């Protein structure tokens, strides 16, 4: 898709959602890998590679924010921003991790 288009273009500002979450006291742990442009549902990124599913290694993580899904499923954090369901990691549609 983007074929690494933005590899040299790293933002020096937070997104509005990050700013608002920080104002509410949320502590950001970091950023995670995702489908290029948040357009996919499998966790494939040509620049960073495939996001591995910690619970089911033979399956993709699923979701546009698949790195976040993998982080929660692996127990690295307790919440994630959800855009596409992440049932491939073992969490049903409306489950709170």
PDB file of N, CA and C in Angstrom:
ATOM      1  N   UNK A   1       0.824  -1.190   0.000  1.00  0.00           N
ATOM      2  CA  UNK A   1       0.000   0.000   0.000  1.00  0.00           C
ATOM      3  C   UNK A   1       0.869   1.255   0.000  1.00  0.00           C
ATOM      4  N   UNK A   2       1.329   1.691   1.170  1.00  0.00           N
ATOM      5  CA  UNK A   2       2.140   2.904   1.206  1.00  0.00           C
ATOM      6  C   UNK A   2       3.596   2.601   0.917  1.00  0.00           C
ATOM      7  N   UNK A   3       3.982   1.328   1.040  1.00  0.00           N
ATOM      8  CA  UNK A   3       5.341   0.886   0.740  1.00  0.00           C
ATOM      9  C   UNK A   3       6.384   1.713   1.483  1.00  0.00           C
ATOM     10  N   UNK A   4       6.138   1.995   2.740  1.00  0.00           N
ATOM     11  CA  UNK A   4       7.092   2.732   3.555  1.00  0.00           C
ATOM     12  C   UNK A   4       7.137   4.217   3.269  1.00  0.00           C
ATOM     13  N   UNK A   5       6.090   4.774   2.712  1.00  0.00           N
ATOM     14  CA  UNK A   5       6.050   6.177   2.311  1.00  0.00           C
ATOM     15  C   UNK A   5       6.439   7.130   3.441  1.00  0.00           C
ATOM     16  N   UNK A   6       6.001   6.846   4.652  1.00  0.00           N
ATOM     17  CA  UNK A   6       6.232   7.781   5.760  1.00  0.00           C
ATOM     18  C   UNK A   6       7.370   7.360   6.683  1.00  0.00           C
ATOM     19  N   UNK A   7       8.277   6.515   6.229  1.00  0.00           N
ATOM     20  CA  UNK A   7       9.338   6.039   7.119  1.00  0.00           C
ATOM     21  C   UNK A   7      10.258   7.160   7.594  1.00  0.00           C
ATOM     22  N   UNK A   8      10.407   8.202   6.817  1.00  0.00           N
ATOM     23  CA  UNK A   8      11.253   9.324   7.216  1.00  0.00           C
ATOM     24  C   UNK A   8      10.441  10.497   7.763  1.00  0.00           C
ATOM     25  N   UNK A   9       9.149  10.287   7.905  1.00  0.00           N
ATOM     26  CA  UNK A   9       8.260  11.373   8.332  1.00  0.00           C
ATOM     27  C   UNK A   9       7.599  10.997   9.654  1.00  0.00           C
ATOM     28  N   UNK A  10       8.283  11.226  10.741  1.00  0.00           N
ATOM     29  CA  UNK A  10       7.771  10.882  12.063  1.00  0.00           C
ATOM     30  C   UNK A  10       7.157  12.133  12.683  1.00  0.00           C
ATOM     31  N   UNK A  11       5.945  12.007  13.162  1.00  0.00           N
ATOM     32  CA  UNK A  11       5.228  13.146  13.729  1.00  0.00           C
ATOM     33  C   UNK A  11       5.909  13.637  15.001  1.00  0.00           C
ATOM     34  N   UNK A  12       5.901  14.933  15.192  1.00  0.00           N
ATOM     35  CA  UNK A  12       6.438  15.505  16.425  1.00  0.00           C
ATOM     36  C   UNK A  12       5.324  15.981  17.354  1.00  0.00           C
ATOM     37  N   UNK A  13       4.083  15.584  17.040  1.00  0.00           N
ATOM     38  CA  UNK A  13       2.932  15.980  17.855  1.00  0.00           C
ATOM     39  C   UNK A  13       2.008  14.780  18.069  1.00  0.00           C
ATOM     40  N   UNK A  14       1.304  14.788  19.183  1.00  0.00           N
ATOM     41  CA  UNK A  14       0.338  13.729  19.470  1.00  0.00           C
ATOM     42  C   UNK A  14      -0.964  13.968  18.715  1.00  0.00           C
ATOM     43  N   UNK A  15      -1.666  12.890  18.431  1.00  0.00           N
ATOM     44  CA  UNK A  15      -3.000  12.977  17.836  1.00  0.00           C
ATOM     45  C   UNK A  15      -3.968  13.526  18.883  1.00  0.00           C
ATOM     46  N   UNK A  16      -5.061  14.105  18.421  1.00  0.00           N
ATOM     47  CA  UNK A  16      -6.056  14.675  19.340  1.00  0.00           C
ATOM     48  C   UNK A  16      -6.554  13.654  20.354  1.00  0.00           C
ATOM     49  N   UNK A  17      -6.774  12.418  19.929  1.00  0.00           N
ATOM     50  CA  UNK A  17      -7.273  11.405  20.867  1.00  0.00           C
ATOM     51  C   UNK A  17      -6.253  11.134  21.966  1.00  0.00           C
ATOM     52  N   UNK A  18      -4.969  11.143  21.633  1.00  0.00           N
ATOM     53  CA  UNK A  18      -3.923  10.925  22.637  1.00  0.00           C
ATOM     54  C   UNK A  18      -3.889  12.097  23.613  1.00  0.00           C
ATOM     55  N   UNK A  19      -3.985  13.291  23.110  1.00  0.00           N
ATOM     56  CA  UNK A  19      -4.018  14.481  23.972  1.00  0.00           C
ATOM     57  C   UNK A  19      -5.190  14.399  24.944  1.00  0.00           C
ATOM     58  N   UNK A  20      -6.365  14.069  24.436  1.00  0.00           N
ATOM     59  CA  UNK A  20      -7.556  13.979  25.297  1.00  0.00           C
ATOM     60  C   UNK A  20      -7.446  12.857  26.316  1.00  0.00           C
ATOM     61  N   UNK A  21      -6.918  11.709  25.921  1.00  0.00           N
ATOM     62  CA  UNK A  21      -6.749  10.605  26.869  1.00  0.00           C
ATOM     63  C   UNK A  21      -5.753  10.972  27.965  1.00  0.00           C
ATOM     64  N   UNK A  22      -4.662  11.624  27.616  1.00  0.00           N
ATOM     65  CA  UNK A  22      -3.678  12.044  28.623  1.00  0.00           C
ATOM     66  C   UNK A  22      -4.290  13.038  29.606  1.00  0.00           C
ATOM     67  N   UNK A  23      -5.128  13.926  29.114  1.00  0.00           N
ATOM     68  CA  UNK A  23      -5.813  14.879  30.001  1.00  0.00           C
ATOM     69  C   UNK A  23      -6.679  14.159  31.025  1.00  0.00           C
ATOM     70  N   UNK A  24      -7.180  12.992  30.664  1.00  0.00           N
ATOM     71  CA  UNK A  24      -8.018  12.193  31.563  1.00  0.00           C
ATOM     72  C   UNK A  24      -7.188  11.292  32.476  1.00  0.00           C
ATOM     73  N   UNK A  25      -5.864  11.364  32.369  1.00  0.00           N
ATOM     74  CA  UNK A  25      -4.996  10.594  33.247  1.00  0.00           C
ATOM     75  C   UNK A  25      -4.522   9.263  32.691  1.00  0.00           C
ATOM     76  N   UNK A  26      -4.825   8.984  31.439  1.00  0.00           N
ATOM     77  CA  UNK A  26      -4.377   7.728  30.831  1.00  0.00           C
ATOM     78  C   UNK A  26      -2.873   7.797  30.595  1.00  0.00           C
ATOM     79  N   UNK A  27      -2.176   6.730  30.942  1.00  0.00           N
ATOM     80  CA  UNK A  27      -0.740   6.640  30.712  1.00  0.00           C
ATOM     81  C   UNK A  27      -0.514   5.823  29.445  1.00  0.00           C
ATOM     82  N   UNK A  28       0.116   6.427  28.464  1.00  0.00           N
ATOM     83  CA  UNK A  28       0.401   5.738  27.206  1.00  0.00           C
ATOM     84  C   UNK A  28       1.658   4.893  27.372  1.00  0.00           C
ATOM     85  N   UNK A  29       1.574   3.624  26.988  1.00  0.00           N
ATOM     86  CA  UNK A  29       2.715   2.724  27.102  1.00  0.00           C
ATOM     87  C   UNK A  29       3.621   2.774  25.881  1.00  0.00           C
ATOM     88  N   UNK A  30       3.080   3.160  24.757  1.00  0.00           N
ATOM     89  CA  UNK A  30       3.859   3.201  23.523  1.00  0.00           C
ATOM     90  C   UNK A  30       2.941   3.084  22.337  1.00  0.00           C
ATOM     91  N   UNK A  31       3.523   2.923  21.180  1.00  0.00           N
ATOM     92  CA  UNK A  31       2.720   2.733  19.976  1.00  0.00           C
ATOM     93  C   UNK A  31       2.960   1.325  19.451  1.00  0.00           C
ATOM     94  N   UNK A  32       2.011   0.820  18.705  1.00  0.00           N
ATOM     95  CA  UNK A  32       2.091  -0.557  18.224  1.00  0.00           C
ATOM     96  C   UNK A  32       1.984  -0.598  16.706  1.00  0.00           C
ATOM     97  N   UNK A  33       2.465  -1.670  16.140  1.00  0.00           N
ATOM     98  CA  UNK A  33       2.399  -1.885  14.699  1.00  0.00           C
ATOM     99  C   UNK A  33       0.958  -2.125  14.264  1.00  0.00           C
ATOM    100  N   UNK A  34       0.650  -1.801  13.034  1.00  0.00           N
ATOM    101  CA  UNK A  34      -0.706  -1.967  12.520  1.00  0.00           C
ATOM    102  C   UNK A  34      -0.662  -2.098  11.005  1.00  0.00           C
ATOM    103  N   UNK A  35      -1.799  -2.443  10.428  1.00  0.00           N
ATOM    104  CA  UNK A  35      -1.900  -2.466   8.970  1.00  0.00           C
ATOM    105  C   UNK A  35      -1.581  -1.084   8.423  1.00  0.00           C
ATOM    106  N   UNK A  36      -0.937  -1.050   7.258  1.00  0.00           N
ATOM    107  CA  UNK A  36      -0.617   0.238   6.650  1.00  0.00           C
ATOM    108  C   UNK A  36      -1.882   1.053   6.410  1.00  0.00           C
ATOM    109  N   UNK A  37      -1.869   2.284   6.886  1.00  0.00           N
ATOM    110  CA  UNK A  37      -3.008   3.171   6.710  1.00  0.00           C
ATOM    111  C   UNK A  37      -4.234   2.758   7.492  1.00  0.00           C
ATOM    112  N   UNK A  38      -4.105   1.795   8.395  1.00  0.00           N
ATOM    113  CA  UNK A  38      -5.234   1.262   9.175  1.00  0.00           C
ATOM    114  C   UNK A  38      -6.344   0.765   8.264  1.00  0.00           C
ATOM    115  N   UNK A  39      -5.974   0.266   7.094  1.00  0.00           N
ATOM    116  CA  UNK A  39      -6.969  -0.138   6.104  1.00  0.00           C
ATOM    117  C   UNK A  39      -7.197  -1.639   6.040  1.00  0.00           C
ATOM    118  N   UNK A  40      -6.378  -2.426   6.672  1.00  0.00           N
ATOM    119  CA  UNK A  40      -6.512  -3.878   6.582  1.00  0.00           C
ATOM    120  C   UNK A  40      -7.162  -4.482   7.795  1.00  0.00           C
ATOM    121  N   UNK A  41      -7.283  -5.791   7.763  1.00  0.00           N
ATOM    122  CA  UNK A  41      -7.899  -6.503   8.884  1.00  0.00           C
ATOM    123  C   UNK A  41      -7.086  -7.728   9.274  1.00  0.00           C
ATOM    124  N   UNK A  42      -5.817  -7.768   8.878  1.00  0.00           N
ATOM    125  CA  UNK A  42      -5.018  -8.967   9.135  1.00  0.00           C
ATOM    126  C   UNK A  42      -3.735  -8.713   9.908  1.00  0.00           C
ATOM    127  N   UNK A  43      -3.278  -7.494  10.012  1.00  0.00           N
ATOM    128  CA  UNK A  43      -2.038  -7.214  10.722  1.00  0.00           C
ATOM    129  C   UNK A  43      -0.807  -7.370   9.856  1.00  0.00           C
ATOM    130  N   UNK A  44      -0.917  -7.027   8.593  1.00  0.00           N
ATOM    131  CA  UNK A  44       0.205  -7.134   7.664  1.00  0.00           C
ATOM    132  C   UNK A  44       0.713  -5.732   7.349  1.00  0.00           C
ATOM    133  N   UNK A  45       2.004  -5.520   7.551  1.00  0.00           N
ATOM    134  CA  UNK A  45       2.619  -4.227   7.285  1.00  0.00           C
ATOM    135  C   UNK A  45       3.904  -4.479   6.511  1.00  0.00           C
ATOM    136  N   UNK A  46       4.008  -3.968   5.284  1.00  0.00           N
ATOM    137  CA  UNK A  46       5.165  -4.263   4.442  1.00  0.00           C
ATOM    138  C   UNK A  46       6.457  -3.687   5.003  1.00  0.00           C
ATOM    139  N   UNK A  47       6.372  -2.665   5.830  1.00  0.00           N
ATOM    140  CA  UNK A  47       7.581  -2.067   6.395  1.00  0.00           C
ATOM    141  C   UNK A  47       8.045  -2.796   7.656  1.00  0.00           C
ATOM    142  N   UNK A  48       7.119  -3.143   8.540  1.00  0.00           N
ATOM    143  CA  UNK A  48       7.472  -3.765   9.819  1.00  0.00           C
ATOM    144  C   UNK A  48       7.199  -5.260   9.874  1.00  0.00           C
ATOM    145  N   UNK A  49       6.504  -5.805   8.895  1.00  0.00           N
ATOM    146  CA  UNK A  49       6.232  -7.237   8.872  1.00  0.00           C
ATOM    147  C   UNK A  49       4.890  -7.606   9.484  1.00  0.00           C
ATOM    148  N   UNK A  50       4.685  -8.890   9.657  1.00  0.00           N
ATOM    149  CA  UNK A  50       3.436  -9.441  10.181  1.00  0.00           C
ATOM    150  C   UNK A  50       3.400  -9.328  11.697  1.00  0.00           C
ATOM    151  N   UNK A  51       2.279  -8.897  12.237  1.00  0.00           N
ATOM    152  CA  UNK A  51       2.094  -8.844  13.680  1.00  0.00           C
ATOM    153  C   UNK A  51       1.693 -10.240  14.131  1.00  0.00           C
ATOM    154  N   UNK A  52       2.453 -10.809  15.037  1.00  0.00           N
ATOM    155  CA  UNK A  52       2.209 -12.182  15.479  1.00  0.00           C
ATOM    156  C   UNK A  52       1.087 -12.234  16.515  1.00  0.00           C
ATOM    157  N   UNK A  53       0.282 -13.274  16.447  1.00  0.00           N
ATOM    158  CA  UNK A  53      -0.816 -13.504  17.376  1.00  0.00           C
ATOM    159  C   UNK A  53      -0.265 -14.280  18.570  1.00  0.00           C
ATOM    160  N   UNK A  54      -0.265 -13.695  19.787  1.00  0.00           N
ATOM    161  CA  UNK A  54       0.323 -14.370  20.943  1.00  0.00           C
ATOM    162  C   UNK A  54      -0.465 -15.587  21.418  1.00  0.00           C
ATOM    163  N   UNK A  55      -1.762 -15.629  21.162  1.00  0.00           N
ATOM    164  CA  UNK A  55      -2.582 -16.750  21.625  1.00  0.00           C
ATOM    165  C   UNK A  55      -2.705 -17.869  20.606  1.00  0.00           C
ATOM    166  N   UNK A  56      -2.726 -17.517  19.347  1.00  0.00           N
ATOM    167  CA  UNK A  56      -2.909 -18.499  18.275  1.00  0.00           C
ATOM    168  C   UNK A  56      -1.910 -18.199  17.159  1.00  0.00           C
ATOM    169  N   UNK A  57      -0.670 -18.687  17.277  1.00  0.00           N
ATOM    170  CA  UNK A  57       0.381 -18.349  16.314  1.00  0.00           C
ATOM    171  C   UNK A  57       0.063 -18.692  14.860  1.00  0.00           C
ATOM    172  N   UNK A  58      -0.854 -19.602  14.627  1.00  0.00           N
ATOM    173  CA  UNK A  58      -1.205 -19.961  13.253  1.00  0.00           C
ATOM    174  C   UNK A  58      -2.216 -18.998  12.636  1.00  0.00           C
ATOM    175  N   UNK A  59      -2.750 -18.061  13.432  1.00  0.00           N
ATOM    176  CA  UNK A  59      -3.736 -17.094  12.945  1.00  0.00           C
ATOM    177  C   UNK A  59      -3.154 -15.686  12.969  1.00  0.00           C
ATOM    178  N   UNK A  60      -3.676 -14.821  12.113  1.00  0.00           N
ATOM    179  CA  UNK A  60      -3.288 -13.410  12.174  1.00  0.00           C
ATOM    180  C   UNK A  60      -3.947 -12.786  13.403  1.00  0.00           C
ATOM    181  N   UNK A  61      -3.459 -11.619  13.818  1.00  0.00           N
ATOM    182  CA  UNK A  61      -4.050 -10.972  14.996  1.00  0.00           C
ATOM    183  C   UNK A  61      -5.415 -10.382  14.701  1.00  0.00           C
ATOM    184  N   UNK A  62      -5.614  -9.910  13.494  1.00  0.00           N
ATOM    185  CA  UNK A  62      -6.895  -9.310  13.124  1.00  0.00           C
ATOM    186  C   UNK A  62      -6.992  -7.877  13.577  1.00  0.00           C
ATOM    187  N   UNK A  63      -7.840  -7.142  12.912  1.00  0.00           N
ATOM    188  CA  UNK A  63      -8.056  -5.752  13.268  1.00  0.00           C
ATOM    189  C   UNK A  63      -7.088  -4.812  12.586  1.00  0.00           C
ATOM    190  N   UNK A  64      -7.512  -3.600  12.381  1.00  0.00           N
ATOM    191  CA  UNK A  64      -6.624  -2.604  11.781  1.00  0.00           C
ATOM    192  C   UNK A  64      -5.506  -2.240  12.753  1.00  0.00           C
ATOM    193  N   UNK A  65      -5.785  -2.284  14.035  1.00  0.00           N
ATOM    194  CA  UNK A  65      -4.789  -2.007  15.072  1.00  0.00           C
ATOM    195  C   UNK A  65      -4.321  -3.316  15.682  1.00  0.00           C
ATOM    196  N   UNK A  66      -3.803  -4.174  14.844  1.00  0.00           N
ATOM    197  CA  UNK A  66      -3.460  -5.529  15.265  1.00  0.00           C
ATOM    198  C   UNK A  66      -2.327  -5.577  16.283  1.00  0.00           C
ATOM    199  N   UNK A  67      -1.409  -4.628  16.248  1.00  0.00           N
ATOM    200  CA  UNK A  67      -0.358  -4.587  17.259  1.00  0.00           C
ATOM    201  C   UNK A  67      -0.935  -4.338  18.640  1.00  0.00           C
ATOM    202  N   UNK A  68      -1.953  -3.503  18.718  1.00  0.00           N
ATOM    203  CA  UNK A  68      -2.634  -3.251  19.991  1.00  0.00           C
ATOM    204  C   UNK A  68      -3.357  -4.496  20.472  1.00  0.00           C
ATOM    205  N   UNK A  69      -4.007  -5.196  19.550  1.00  0.00           N
ATOM    206  CA  UNK A  69      -4.698  -6.440  19.910  1.00  0.00           C
ATOM    207  C   UNK A  69      -3.706  -7.451  20.460  1.00  0.00           C
ATOM    208  N   UNK A  70      -2.554  -7.573  19.825  1.00  0.00           N
ATOM    209  CA  UNK A  70      -1.529  -8.510  20.281  1.00  0.00           C
ATOM    210  C   UNK A  70      -0.998  -8.113  21.656  1.00  0.00           C
ATOM    211  N   UNK A  71      -0.826  -6.814  21.905  1.00  0.00           N
ATOM    212  CA  UNK A  71      -0.320  -6.346  23.198  1.00  0.00           C
ATOM    213  C   UNK A  71      -1.278  -6.682  24.334  1.00  0.00           C
ATOM    214  N   UNK A  72      -2.576  -6.476  24.127  1.00  0.00           N
ATOM    215  CA  UNK A  72      -3.564  -6.807  25.160  1.00  0.00           C
ATOM    216  C   UNK A  72      -3.636  -8.317  25.347  1.00  0.00           C
ATOM    217  N   UNK A  73      -3.678  -9.065  24.250  1.00  0.00           N
ATOM    218  CA  UNK A  73      -3.770 -10.524  24.338  1.00  0.00           C
ATOM    219  C   UNK A  73      -2.557 -11.118  25.048  1.00  0.00           C
ATOM    220  N   UNK A  74      -1.395 -10.496  24.904  1.00  0.00           N
ATOM    221  CA  UNK A  74      -0.177 -10.981  25.556  1.00  0.00           C
ATOM    222  C   UNK A  74      -0.072 -10.513  27.004  1.00  0.00           C
ATOM    223  N   UNK A  75      -1.010  -9.672  27.455  1.00  0.00           N
ATOM    224  CA  UNK A  75      -0.994  -9.197  28.834  1.00  0.00           C
ATOM    225  C   UNK A  75      -0.058  -8.023  29.071  1.00  0.00           C
ATOM    226  N   UNK A  76       0.373  -7.339  28.013  1.00  0.00           N
ATOM    227  CA  UNK A  76       1.271  -6.196  28.171  1.00  0.00           C
ATOM    228  C   UNK A  76       0.544  -4.953  28.663  1.00  0.00           C
ATOM    229  N   UNK A  77      -0.755  -4.879  28.428  1.00  0.00           N
ATOM    230  CA  UNK A  77      -1.563  -3.745  28.865  1.00  0.00           C
ATOM    231  C   UNK A  77      -3.011  -4.211  28.989  1.00  0.00           C
ATOM    232  N   UNK A  78      -3.868  -3.364  29.543  1.00  0.00           N
ATOM    233  CA  UNK A  78      -5.238  -3.797  29.828  1.00  0.00           C
ATOM    234  C   UNK A  78      -6.279  -3.208  28.889  1.00  0.00           C
ATOM    235  N   UNK A  79      -5.889  -2.327  28.009  1.00  0.00           N
ATOM    236  CA  UNK A  79      -6.865  -1.707  27.114  1.00  0.00           C
ATOM    237  C   UNK A  79      -6.206  -1.358  25.797  1.00  0.00           C
ATOM    238  N   UNK A  80      -7.050  -1.147  24.801  1.00  0.00           N
ATOM    239  CA  UNK A  80      -6.550  -0.772  23.486  1.00  0.00           C
ATOM    240  C   UNK A  80      -7.614   0.020  22.767  1.00  0.00           C
ATOM    241  N   UNK A  81      -7.222   0.754  21.757  1.00  0.00           N
ATOM    242  CA  UNK A  81      -8.165   1.470  20.903  1.00  0.00           C
ATOM    243  C   UNK A  81      -8.682   0.479  19.879  1.00  0.00           C
ATOM    244  N   UNK A  82      -9.989   0.307  19.789  1.00  0.00           N
ATOM    245  CA  UNK A  82     -10.582  -0.714  18.929  1.00  0.00           C
ATOM    246  C   UNK A  82     -11.209  -0.079  17.698  1.00  0.00           C
ATOM    247  N   UNK A  83     -10.880  -0.619  16.522  1.00  0.00           N
ATOM    248  CA  UNK A  83     -11.547  -0.190  15.301  1.00  0.00           C
ATOM    249  C   UNK A  83     -12.178  -1.389  14.608  1.00  0.00           C
ATOM    250  N   UNK A  84     -11.440  -2.459  14.480  1.00  0.00           N
ATOM    251  CA  UNK A  84     -11.962  -3.691  13.884  1.00  0.00           C
ATOM    252  C   UNK A  84     -11.855  -4.784  14.943  1.00  0.00           C
ATOM    253  N   UNK A  85     -12.815  -5.655  14.986  1.00  0.00           N
ATOM    254  CA  UNK A  85     -12.845  -6.718  15.995  1.00  0.00           C
ATOM    255  C   UNK A  85     -11.561  -7.540  15.995  1.00  0.00           C
ATOM    256  N   UNK A  86     -11.226  -8.070  17.126  1.00  0.00           N
ATOM    257  CA  UNK A  86      -9.981  -8.822  17.269  1.00  0.00           C
ATOM    258  C   UNK A  86     -10.242 -10.236  17.767  1.00  0.00           C
ATOM    259  N   UNK A  87     -11.249 -10.855  17.192  1.00  0.00           N
ATOM    260  CA  UNK A  87     -11.636 -12.199  17.607  1.00  0.00           C
ATOM    261  C   UNK A  87     -10.529 -13.215  17.360  1.00  0.00           C
ATOM    262  N   UNK A  88      -9.628 -12.946  16.435  1.00  0.00           N
ATOM    263  CA  UNK A  88      -8.558 -13.895  16.155  1.00  0.00           C
ATOM    264  C   UNK A  88      -7.625 -14.082  17.346  1.00  0.00           C
ATOM    265  N   UNK A  89      -7.603 -13.123  18.264  1.00  0.00           N
ATOM    266  CA  UNK A  89      -6.778 -13.246  19.466  1.00  0.00           C
ATOM    267  C   UNK A  89      -7.552 -13.889  20.613  1.00  0.00           C
ATOM    268  N   UNK A  90      -8.790 -14.288  20.352  1.00  0.00           N
ATOM    269  CA  UNK A  90      -9.572 -14.978  21.367  1.00  0.00           C
ATOM    270  C   UNK A  90     -10.524 -14.098  22.144  1.00  0.00           C
ATOM    271  N   UNK A  91     -10.750 -12.867  21.695  1.00  0.00           N
ATOM    272  CA  UNK A  91     -11.657 -11.966  22.387  1.00  0.00           C
ATOM    273  C   UNK A  91     -12.904 -11.742  21.541  1.00  0.00           C
ATOM    274  N   UNK A  92     -14.077 -12.048  22.075  1.00  0.00           N
ATOM    275  CA  UNK A  92     -15.313 -11.833  21.322  1.00  0.00           C
ATOM    276  C   UNK A  92     -15.553 -10.348  21.045  1.00  0.00           C
ATOM    277  N   UNK A  93     -16.553 -10.088  20.262  1.00  0.00           N
ATOM    278  CA  UNK A  93     -16.851  -8.750  19.770  1.00  0.00           C
ATOM    279  C   UNK A  93     -16.929  -7.686  20.856  1.00  0.00           C
ATOM    280  N   UNK A  94     -17.636  -7.933  21.937  1.00  0.00           N
ATOM    281  CA  UNK A  94     -17.856  -6.889  22.943  1.00  0.00           C
ATOM    282  C   UNK A  94     -17.238  -7.241  24.290  1.00  0.00           C
ATOM    283  N   UNK A  95     -16.064  -7.817  24.286  1.00  0.00           N
ATOM    284  CA  UNK A  95     -15.405  -8.223  25.521  1.00  0.00           C
ATOM    285  C   UNK A  95     -14.440  -7.150  25.997  1.00  0.00           C
ATOM    286  N   UNK A  96     -14.410  -6.924  27.293  1.00  0.00           N
ATOM    287  CA  UNK A  96     -13.407  -6.050  27.892  1.00  0.00           C
ATOM    288  C   UNK A  96     -12.285  -6.943  28.365  1.00  0.00           C
ATOM    289  N   UNK A  97     -11.086  -6.647  27.937  1.00  0.00           N
ATOM    290  CA  UNK A  97      -9.934  -7.489  28.310  1.00  0.00           C
ATOM    291  C   UNK A  97      -9.532  -7.227  29.744  1.00  0.00           C
TER     292      UNK A  97
END
